Amino acid sequence: MQIHVVEPGQSLYSIARTYSVTPETLIEANQLQDLPYLVVGQALVIPITGRYYWVQPGDSLWSIGQRFGIAPAELARINGIPLNAPLSVGLRLYIPPGPRPRKEANAYVEPFGESVSANLVAASREAVPHLTYLAPFSYRVRRDGTLQAPPLNGLLEIAREGGAVPMLVVANLEEGGFSAELGQAILNDQAVQDRLLQEIQRLIREMGFRDVHFDFEFLRPQDREAYNRFLQRAADLIHAEGALISTALAPKQSATQVGQWYEAHDYAFHGRTVDFVVLMTYEWGYSGGPPMAVSPIDQVRRVLDFAVTQIPREKIMMGQNLYGYDWTLPYRPGGEFARAISPQQAIRQAAQRGVAIQFDPTAQAPFYRYVDEQGRTHEVWFEDARSIQAKFNLLREMGLRGISYWKLGLAFPQNWLLLEDNFTVVKRASS
């Protein structure tokens, strides 16, 4: 698989000729059907086996081989060139595909209202062939320990048809947000916990959930040990039912990180007790904050660097957003919230506004600015093939369990192509 960044003057036809594919192939892979034209700075996925590399000044077969993990002699053989001959700048070399390690992939899907929208049904059907788990978000715990189910409308059947494990997501959500008071009521009342665990046991048996995922957030710091004790009880019961247990964790960079989102999440205990964790490594750029990348890779790396000191690597799922945000400038705390935007919408908007897409090398994320009809300046940060490939490289480098997406429903077709190109996705439902 190749990633190509559009340069001034390039067209679909010229890019297709460069890689010996058809324009139709590029249109289908990148879902360009409704795009008025290509955007300078836009990243395209070229669906070829392996990739091409053009020799740069100072390159050698050895340095190129080091970069792509291939022996210089093999690189020379594949490209039909002498091993010790000097390389001409601009020479096109073919780089064969490397091994694809086995990784797990999860995606949350969040229905609203009384039923699952047609868009979310379609997005789930598109995604499940590429997933280990599908996670309808969420079963909400009531104060008496019973569970309020989300609309499902065939999501569990879609998961099973696609070979994905249905995940039972249990959350301390109340009145539209995570509730510390609800968490306190759950974690400090034995009778409430007993009822909750009975409910979970019933759903495992009746609905066929094979992973129970606790997303307890914004807990009181003083409930840290109570949460740990509850997780131990839950793990014993869930494992006895032959299912997995997992948790969602706030993105901490140290064991002493303060703040109500962080302090009750005991990384080391979760690492010992549950089967895997999802690190919520996104929302640095968020709807109510200043414009920036949603998941800048430098920040993600800092979280992972700490996490692997507390949790076995094979238990860590790196969180990844499938969306970006469109902020209206100037940013004012407490002012207008940013609008969520899909990668496809972001590219279409850049084309419609006639602006080039830029790329931040530190965050490894694309962005652009435009002026709307009212004369207001906007700043847009989103994901593209380059940003997601950077995350896949990090995932591979650190030897993690896999990746977890928040959330389905915002189109990002390049992600699924690159996921399959980089990894063999584990299918627990059929293993």
Protein backbone atom coordinates (compact mmCIF):
# COMPACT_ATOMS: atom_id res chain seq x y z
CA MET A 1 0.00 0.00 0.00
CA GLN A 2 1.28 3.45 -0.94
CA ILE A 3 0.40 6.85 0.49
CA HIS A 4 0.69 9.72 -2.00
CA VAL A 5 0.36 13.41 -1.08
CA VAL A 6 -1.12 15.51 -3.88
CA GLU A 7 1.18 18.21 -5.22
CA PRO A 8 0.28 21.33 -7.24
CA GLY A 9 -0.60 20.48 -10.84
CA GLN A 10 -1.24 16.80 -10.23
CA SER A 11 -4.43 15.07 -11.33
CA LEU A 12 -5.99 11.67 -10.78
CA TYR A 13 -4.73 10.64 -14.19
CA SER A 14 -1.13 11.70 -13.61
CA ILE A 15 -1.04 10.07 -10.18
CA ALA A 16 -2.58 6.88 -11.54
CA ARG A 17 0.07 6.71 -14.29
CA THR A 18 2.83 7.14 -11.69
CA TYR A 19 1.72 4.00 -9.86
CA SER A 20 0.47 2.00 -12.86
CA VAL A 21 -3.13 1.92 -11.65
CA THR A 22 -6.35 3.29 -13.11
CA PRO A 23 -8.03 6.52 -11.98
CA GLU A 24 -11.08 4.43 -11.15
CA THR A 25 -8.99 2.42 -8.70
CA LEU A 26 -7.99 5.61 -6.87
CA ILE A 27 -11.56 6.88 -6.85
CA GLU A 28 -12.89 3.66 -5.35
CA ALA A 29 -10.15 3.24 -2.73
CA ASN A 30 -10.42 6.82 -1.48
CA GLN A 31 -14.16 7.31 -2.11
CA LEU A 32 -13.58 10.37 -4.28
CA GLN A 33 -16.87 10.09 -6.17
CA ASP A 34 -18.36 13.31 -4.78
CA LEU A 35 -15.13 15.30 -4.55
CA PRO A 36 -15.09 18.24 -7.01
CA TYR A 37 -11.33 17.97 -7.49
CA LEU A 38 -8.15 16.89 -5.73
CA VAL A 39 -6.79 19.14 -2.98
CA VAL A 40 -3.13 20.12 -2.70
CA GLY A 41 -1.82 18.35 0.41
CA GLN A 42 -4.49 15.66 0.28
CA ALA A 43 -3.25 12.15 1.16
CA LEU A 44 -4.34 9.36 -1.18
CA VAL A 45 -4.06 5.64 -0.56
CA ILE A 46 -2.71 3.79 -3.60
CA PRO A 47 -4.00 0.20 -3.37
CA ILE A 48 -0.98 -1.68 -4.66
CA THR A 49 0.89 -4.64 -3.21
CA GLY A 50 3.99 -3.23 -1.57
CA ARG A 51 5.05 0.29 -2.47
CA TYR A 52 7.43 2.36 -4.58
CA TYR A 53 10.31 4.51 -3.39
CA TRP A 54 12.14 7.16 -5.38
CA VAL A 55 15.87 7.41 -4.63
CA GLN A 56 16.88 10.61 -2.82
CA PRO A 57 20.35 12.24 -2.65
CA GLY A 58 22.60 10.29 -0.27
CA ASP A 59 20.54 7.08 -0.49
CA SER A 60 22.10 3.64 -0.81
CA LEU A 61 20.64 0.18 -1.00
CA TRP A 62 21.77 -0.31 2.58
CA SER A 63 20.06 2.86 3.91
CA ILE A 64 16.87 2.14 1.96
CA GLY A 65 16.91 -1.45 3.16
CA GLN A 66 17.29 -0.27 6.77
CA ARG A 67 14.34 2.09 6.35
CA PHE A 68 12.00 -0.58 5.01
CA GLY A 69 13.36 -3.66 6.78
CA ILE A 70 14.67 -5.50 3.73
CA ALA A 71 18.17 -6.83 2.97
CA PRO A 72 20.12 -4.78 0.39
CA ALA A 73 20.80 -7.89 -1.71
CA GLU A 74 17.09 -8.73 -1.81
CA LEU A 75 16.23 -5.14 -2.73
CA ALA A 76 18.75 -5.26 -5.56
CA ARG A 77 17.42 -8.62 -6.78
CA ILE A 78 13.77 -7.53 -6.79
CA ASN A 79 14.57 -4.39 -8.74
CA GLY A 80 17.05 -6.01 -11.13
CA ILE A 81 19.98 -3.75 -10.31
CA PRO A 82 23.62 -4.53 -9.35
CA LEU A 83 24.17 -4.71 -5.61
CA ASN A 84 27.16 -2.37 -5.55
CA ALA A 85 26.22 0.04 -8.34
CA PRO A 86 25.59 3.69 -7.38
CA LEU A 87 21.92 4.70 -7.33
CA SER A 88 20.62 7.45 -9.58
CA VAL A 89 18.55 10.13 -7.83
CA GLY A 90 14.93 9.71 -8.89
CA LEU A 91 15.24 5.98 -9.62
CA ARG A 92 11.99 4.17 -8.74
CA LEU A 93 12.49 1.12 -6.56
CA TYR A 94 9.83 -1.43 -5.69
CA ILE A 95 9.56 -2.28 -1.97
CA PRO A 96 7.75 -5.59 -1.32
CA PRO A 97 5.21 -5.86 1.51
CA GLY A 98 6.55 -6.84 4.91
CA PRO A 99 5.07 -9.22 7.45
CA ARG A 100 1.68 -8.39 8.96
CA PRO A 101 1.65 -9.03 12.72
CA ARG A 102 -1.58 -10.23 14.34
CA LYS A 103 -3.41 -7.44 16.17
CA GLU A 104 -6.86 -6.94 17.63
CA ALA A 105 -9.20 -4.12 16.63
CA ASN A 106 -12.27 -2.79 18.42
CA ALA A 107 -14.76 -0.12 17.41
CA TYR A 108 -17.43 1.55 19.51
CA VAL A 109 -20.77 2.40 17.94
CA GLU A 110 -23.01 4.89 19.76
CA PRO A 111 -26.70 4.86 18.84
CA PHE A 112 -28.86 7.81 19.88
CA GLY A 113 -32.56 7.82 20.62
CA GLU A 114 -34.75 4.76 20.43
CA SER A 115 -33.16 2.96 17.49
CA VAL A 116 -29.91 2.52 15.56
CA SER A 117 -29.76 4.87 12.57
CA ALA A 118 -29.35 3.53 9.05
CA ASN A 119 -25.97 5.29 8.91
CA LEU A 120 -24.68 3.44 11.99
CA VAL A 121 -26.02 0.11 10.71
CA ALA A 122 -24.20 0.66 7.41
CA ALA A 123 -21.01 1.80 9.16
CA SER A 124 -21.07 -1.27 11.41
CA ARG A 125 -21.53 -3.61 8.46
CA GLU A 126 -18.60 -1.93 6.68
CA ALA A 127 -16.34 -2.14 9.73
CA VAL A 128 -16.97 -5.61 11.22
CA PRO A 129 -14.88 -7.55 8.67
CA HIS A 130 -11.93 -5.54 10.00
CA LEU A 131 -12.75 -5.90 13.72
CA THR A 132 -12.12 -8.30 16.56
CA TYR A 133 -14.81 -6.65 18.71
CA LEU A 134 -17.87 -4.48 18.07
CA ALA A 135 -18.86 -2.39 21.11
CA PRO A 136 -22.37 -0.87 21.25
CA PHE A 137 -22.10 2.10 23.60
CA SER A 138 -23.45 1.63 26.23
CA TYR A 139 -25.39 -0.21 28.92
CA ARG A 140 -25.91 2.42 31.61
CA VAL A 141 -25.87 1.41 35.27
CA ARG A 142 -28.83 2.65 37.30
CA ARG A 143 -28.49 3.50 40.99
CA ASP A 144 -30.07 0.18 41.97
CA GLY A 145 -27.55 -1.83 39.93
CA THR A 146 -29.86 -2.65 37.02
CA LEU A 147 -28.82 -1.81 33.48
CA GLN A 148 -30.46 0.41 30.89
CA ALA A 149 -29.78 -1.12 27.48
CA PRO A 150 -28.89 0.94 24.39
CA PRO A 151 -30.85 0.38 21.17
CA LEU A 152 -29.24 -2.55 19.38
CA ASN A 153 -31.43 -3.21 16.32
CA GLY A 154 -29.40 -6.10 14.98
CA LEU A 155 -25.92 -4.83 15.95
CA LEU A 156 -25.09 -8.09 17.72
CA GLU A 157 -26.12 -10.07 14.64
CA ILE A 158 -24.03 -7.77 12.44
CA ALA A 159 -21.04 -8.40 14.72
CA ARG A 160 -21.41 -12.16 14.56
CA GLU A 161 -21.98 -12.20 10.80
CA GLY A 162 -18.71 -10.28 10.39
CA GLY A 163 -16.79 -12.52 12.78
CA ALA A 164 -16.53 -9.85 15.50
CA VAL A 165 -17.06 -10.46 19.22
CA PRO A 166 -20.01 -8.51 20.69
CA MET A 167 -18.71 -6.37 23.55
CA LEU A 168 -20.92 -5.47 26.52
CA VAL A 169 -19.97 -1.89 27.43
CA VAL A 170 -21.03 -0.89 30.96
CA ALA A 171 -20.78 2.81 31.86
CA ASN A 172 -21.54 5.13 34.78
CA LEU A 173 -23.47 7.55 32.58
CA GLU A 174 -26.30 9.59 34.03
CA GLU A 175 -28.14 12.62 32.65
CA GLY A 176 -25.86 12.86 29.65
CA GLY A 177 -22.48 12.57 31.35
CA PHE A 178 -20.19 10.41 33.44
CA SER A 179 -21.28 10.68 37.07
CA ALA A 180 -18.97 10.53 40.07
CA GLU A 181 -22.03 10.23 42.31
CA LEU A 182 -23.31 7.24 40.37
CA GLY A 183 -19.85 5.68 40.52
CA GLN A 184 -19.81 6.18 44.27
CA ALA A 185 -23.21 4.50 44.62
CA ILE A 186 -22.09 1.49 42.58
CA LEU A 187 -18.66 1.00 44.08
CA ASN A 188 -19.58 1.36 47.74
CA ASP A 189 -22.78 -0.68 48.01
CA GLN A 190 -22.48 -4.47 48.06
CA ALA A 191 -26.14 -5.03 47.19
CA VAL A 192 -25.94 -2.72 44.16
CA GLN A 193 -22.82 -4.53 42.95
CA ASP A 194 -24.48 -7.92 43.43
CA ARG A 195 -27.43 -6.84 41.29
CA LEU A 196 -25.13 -5.37 38.62
CA LEU A 197 -23.04 -8.53 38.41
CA GLN A 198 -26.19 -10.65 38.18
CA GLU A 199 -27.38 -8.48 35.29
CA ILE A 200 -24.03 -8.88 33.54
CA GLN A 201 -24.10 -12.63 34.04
CA ARG A 202 -27.61 -12.79 32.57
CA LEU A 203 -26.60 -10.76 29.50
CA ILE A 204 -23.56 -12.95 28.88
CA ARG A 205 -25.75 -16.03 28.92
CA GLU A 206 -28.79 -14.67 27.09
CA MET A 207 -27.25 -12.23 24.59
CA GLY A 208 -23.94 -13.93 23.89
CA PHE A 209 -21.58 -11.11 24.88
CA ARG A 210 -18.03 -12.48 25.05
CA ASP A 211 -16.29 -9.44 26.51
CA VAL A 212 -17.51 -7.19 29.33
CA HIS A 213 -16.02 -3.71 29.10
CA PHE A 214 -16.21 -1.30 32.03
CA ASP A 215 -16.05 2.36 31.06
CA PHE A 216 -16.23 3.99 34.48
CA GLU A 217 -15.00 7.58 34.19
CA PHE A 218 -14.85 10.74 36.31
CA LEU A 219 -14.79 8.67 39.50
CA ARG A 220 -13.92 10.24 42.84
CA PRO A 221 -10.19 9.80 43.62
CA GLN A 222 -11.15 8.22 46.95
CA ASP A 223 -13.04 5.47 45.06
CA ARG A 224 -9.86 4.13 43.45
CA GLU A 225 -9.55 1.13 45.78
CA ALA A 226 -13.29 0.48 45.71
CA TYR A 227 -13.11 0.36 41.90
CA ASN A 228 -10.20 -2.08 42.13
CA ARG A 229 -12.12 -4.36 44.51
CA PHE A 230 -15.16 -4.28 42.24
CA LEU A 231 -13.07 -5.16 39.19
CA GLN A 232 -11.61 -8.16 40.99
CA ARG A 233 -15.11 -9.41 41.82
CA ALA A 234 -16.25 -8.78 38.26
CA ALA A 235 -13.20 -10.50 36.75
CA ASP A 236 -13.79 -13.64 38.81
CA LEU A 237 -17.45 -13.87 37.73
CA ILE A 238 -16.88 -12.98 34.08
CA HIS A 239 -14.01 -15.41 33.67
CA ALA A 240 -16.16 -18.14 35.23
CA GLU A 241 -18.65 -17.48 32.41
CA GLY A 242 -15.91 -18.00 29.82
CA ALA A 243 -15.87 -14.34 28.77
CA LEU A 244 -13.18 -11.65 28.76
CA ILE A 245 -13.11 -8.51 30.88
CA SER A 246 -11.68 -5.19 29.73
CA THR A 247 -11.64 -1.57 30.88
CA ALA A 248 -11.35 1.92 29.40
CA LEU A 249 -8.62 4.05 30.96
CA ALA A 250 -7.97 7.79 30.88
CA PRO A 251 -4.70 8.75 29.11
CA LYS A 252 -2.28 9.12 32.02
CA GLN A 253 1.40 10.01 31.64
CA SER A 254 2.40 9.23 35.22
CA ALA A 255 1.14 7.30 38.23
CA THR A 256 0.75 10.54 40.16
CA GLN A 257 -1.23 12.47 37.52
CA VAL A 258 -3.89 14.52 39.29
CA GLY A 259 -7.44 15.24 38.19
CA GLN A 260 -10.74 13.46 38.61
CA TRP A 261 -10.54 11.86 35.19
CA TYR A 262 -7.27 10.13 36.14
CA GLU A 263 -6.76 9.37 39.82
CA ALA A 264 -9.21 6.47 40.23
CA HIS A 265 -7.71 4.60 37.27
CA ASP A 266 -5.00 2.35 38.72
CA TYR A 267 -3.04 1.28 35.66
CA ALA A 268 -1.02 -1.39 37.45
CA PHE A 269 -4.08 -3.02 39.04
CA HIS A 270 -5.99 -3.06 35.76
CA GLY A 271 -2.94 -4.55 34.08
CA ARG A 272 -2.90 -7.42 36.57
CA THR A 273 -6.64 -8.02 36.74
CA VAL A 274 -8.34 -7.57 33.37
CA ASP A 275 -7.68 -9.22 30.02
CA PHE A 276 -7.02 -5.96 28.20
CA VAL A 277 -7.44 -2.21 28.49
CA VAL A 278 -8.41 0.52 26.04
CA LEU A 279 -6.33 3.64 26.53
CA MET A 280 -8.38 6.65 25.49
CA THR A 281 -5.51 8.30 23.64
CA TYR A 282 -7.54 11.04 21.98
CA GLU A 283 -9.36 14.30 22.73
CA TRP A 284 -6.32 16.48 23.32
CA GLY A 285 -8.07 18.54 20.70
CA TYR A 286 -11.71 18.50 21.83
CA SER A 287 -14.90 20.35 20.97
CA GLY A 288 -14.70 22.78 23.91
CA GLY A 289 -10.96 23.38 23.76
CA PRO A 290 -8.55 25.28 21.50
CA PRO A 291 -7.80 24.02 17.98
CA MET A 292 -5.24 21.24 17.83
CA ALA A 293 -4.86 17.64 16.68
CA VAL A 294 -7.33 15.29 18.37
CA SER A 295 -4.65 12.63 18.97
CA PRO A 296 -1.20 14.18 18.42
CA ILE A 297 1.27 11.34 18.19
CA ASP A 298 3.80 12.93 20.55
CA GLN A 299 1.16 12.99 23.32
CA VAL A 300 -0.04 9.47 22.46
CA ARG A 301 3.53 8.20 22.72
CA ARG A 302 3.96 9.76 26.17
CA VAL A 303 0.87 7.93 27.43
CA LEU A 304 2.02 4.64 25.95
CA ASP A 305 5.55 5.06 27.30
CA PHE A 306 4.08 5.26 30.79
CA ALA A 307 1.44 2.59 30.22
CA VAL A 308 3.91 -0.13 29.26
CA THR A 309 5.66 0.33 32.62
CA GLN A 310 2.40 -0.59 34.38
CA ILE A 311 0.49 -2.88 32.01
CA PRO A 312 1.75 -5.76 29.86
CA ARG A 313 2.06 -4.64 26.24
CA GLU A 314 -0.06 -7.53 25.07
CA LYS A 315 -2.96 -6.13 27.12
CA ILE A 316 -2.91 -2.57 25.72
CA MET A 317 -5.31 -1.35 23.03
CA MET A 318 -4.35 2.09 21.74
CA GLY A 319 -7.36 4.38 21.36
CA GLN A 320 -7.85 6.17 18.05
CA ASN A 321 -10.40 8.75 16.89
CA LEU A 322 -12.24 8.40 13.58
CA TYR A 323 -13.13 12.10 13.43
CA GLY A 324 -11.80 15.63 13.58
CA TYR A 325 -13.13 19.05 14.57
CA ASP A 326 -13.92 22.34 12.82
CA TRP A 327 -13.29 25.29 15.17
CA THR A 328 -14.50 28.85 14.63
CA LEU A 329 -11.79 31.40 15.43
CA PRO A 330 -10.89 33.18 17.57
CA TYR A 331 -11.18 30.46 20.19
CA ARG A 332 -12.68 31.67 23.48
CA PRO A 333 -13.00 29.39 26.54
CA GLY A 334 -16.68 28.69 27.09
CA GLY A 335 -17.55 29.94 23.62
CA GLU A 336 -18.85 28.14 20.55
CA PHE A 337 -18.05 24.43 20.51
CA ALA A 338 -16.22 22.92 17.56
CA ARG A 339 -18.18 20.86 15.05
CA ALA A 340 -17.26 17.17 14.67
CA ILE A 341 -16.26 16.31 11.14
CA SER A 342 -15.31 13.07 9.38
CA PRO A 343 -12.06 12.78 7.40
CA GLN A 344 -14.11 12.54 4.19
CA GLN A 345 -16.10 15.66 5.08
CA ALA A 346 -12.89 17.52 5.94
CA ILE A 347 -11.35 16.79 2.54
CA ARG A 348 -14.58 17.67 0.71
CA GLN A 349 -14.79 20.95 2.59
CA ALA A 350 -11.17 21.84 1.76
CA ALA A 351 -11.95 21.22 -1.91
CA GLN A 352 -15.11 23.30 -1.80
CA ARG A 353 -13.32 26.16 -0.02
CA GLY A 354 -10.32 25.99 -2.34
CA VAL A 355 -7.70 25.68 0.43
CA ALA A 356 -4.63 23.45 0.64
CA ILE A 357 -4.23 20.84 3.37
CA GLN A 358 -1.18 21.24 5.60
CA PHE A 359 0.50 18.63 7.80
CA ASP A 360 1.96 19.12 11.28
CA PRO A 361 5.12 16.98 11.59
CA THR A 362 5.13 17.00 15.40
CA ALA A 363 1.49 15.98 15.85
CA GLN A 364 1.57 13.92 12.63
CA ALA A 365 -1.85 15.29 11.71
CA PRO A 366 -3.39 17.26 8.81
CA PHE A 367 -5.11 20.64 9.21
CA TYR A 368 -6.23 23.69 7.23
CA ARG A 369 -7.93 27.06 7.63
CA TYR A 370 -10.76 28.62 5.64
CA VAL A 371 -13.07 31.64 5.76
CA ASP A 372 -16.85 31.06 5.82
CA GLU A 373 -19.65 33.13 4.25
CA GLN A 374 -19.84 35.36 7.33
CA GLY A 375 -16.14 36.19 7.08
CA ARG A 376 -15.22 34.04 10.09
CA THR A 377 -11.96 32.07 10.03
CA HIS A 378 -12.13 28.35 10.81
CA GLU A 379 -9.41 25.86 11.72
CA VAL A 380 -9.91 22.18 10.96
CA TRP A 381 -7.91 19.25 12.33
CA PHE A 382 -8.70 15.72 11.19
CA GLU A 383 -7.22 12.32 10.36
CA ASP A 384 -5.85 11.08 7.05
CA ALA A 385 -3.80 8.20 5.67
CA ARG A 386 -0.55 9.72 6.97
CA SER A 387 -1.79 10.27 10.52
CA ILE A 388 -3.30 6.79 10.86
CA GLN A 389 -0.21 5.16 9.36
CA ALA A 390 1.90 6.97 11.96
CA LYS A 391 -0.31 5.40 14.67
CA PHE A 392 0.02 1.96 13.07
CA ASN A 393 3.80 2.39 13.03
CA LEU A 394 3.72 3.26 16.74
CA LEU A 395 1.45 0.31 17.51
CA ARG A 396 3.85 -2.02 15.71
CA GLU A 397 6.94 -0.44 17.30
CA MET A 398 5.60 -0.84 20.84
CA GLY A 399 4.24 -4.34 20.38
CA LEU A 400 0.75 -3.52 21.65
CA ARG A 401 -2.32 -5.74 21.57
CA GLY A 402 -4.17 -3.60 19.04
CA ILE A 403 -6.27 -0.53 18.37
CA SER A 404 -9.69 0.67 19.52
CA TYR A 405 -11.71 3.22 17.52
CA TRP A 406 -14.03 5.90 18.82
CA LYS A 407 -16.39 5.79 16.98
CA LEU A 408 -18.20 4.42 13.92
CA GLY A 409 -20.41 6.61 11.76
CA LEU A 410 -17.89 9.17 10.45
CA ALA A 411 -16.47 7.97 7.13
CA PHE A 412 -12.74 7.22 6.97
CA PRO A 413 -12.30 4.53 4.28
CA GLN A 414 -8.51 4.87 4.15
CA ASN A 415 -8.26 3.62 7.73
CA TRP A 416 -9.69 0.18 6.95
CA LEU A 417 -7.49 -0.29 3.89
CA LEU A 418 -4.36 0.61 5.83
CA LEU A 419 -5.38 -1.47 8.87
CA GLU A 420 -5.57 -4.59 6.73
CA ASP A 421 -2.37 -3.68 4.90
CA ASN A 422 -0.44 -3.35 8.16
CA PHE A 423 -1.90 -6.16 10.27
CA THR A 424 -3.72 -9.46 10.27
CA VAL A 425 -6.77 -8.68 12.39
CA VAL A 426 -7.50 -11.38 14.96
CA LYS A 427 -10.96 -12.92 14.71
CA ARG A 428 -11.77 -14.36 18.14
CA ALA A 429 -15.30 -15.24 17.12
CA SER A 430 -14.00 -17.90 14.78
CA SER A 431 -10.86 -18.95 16.68
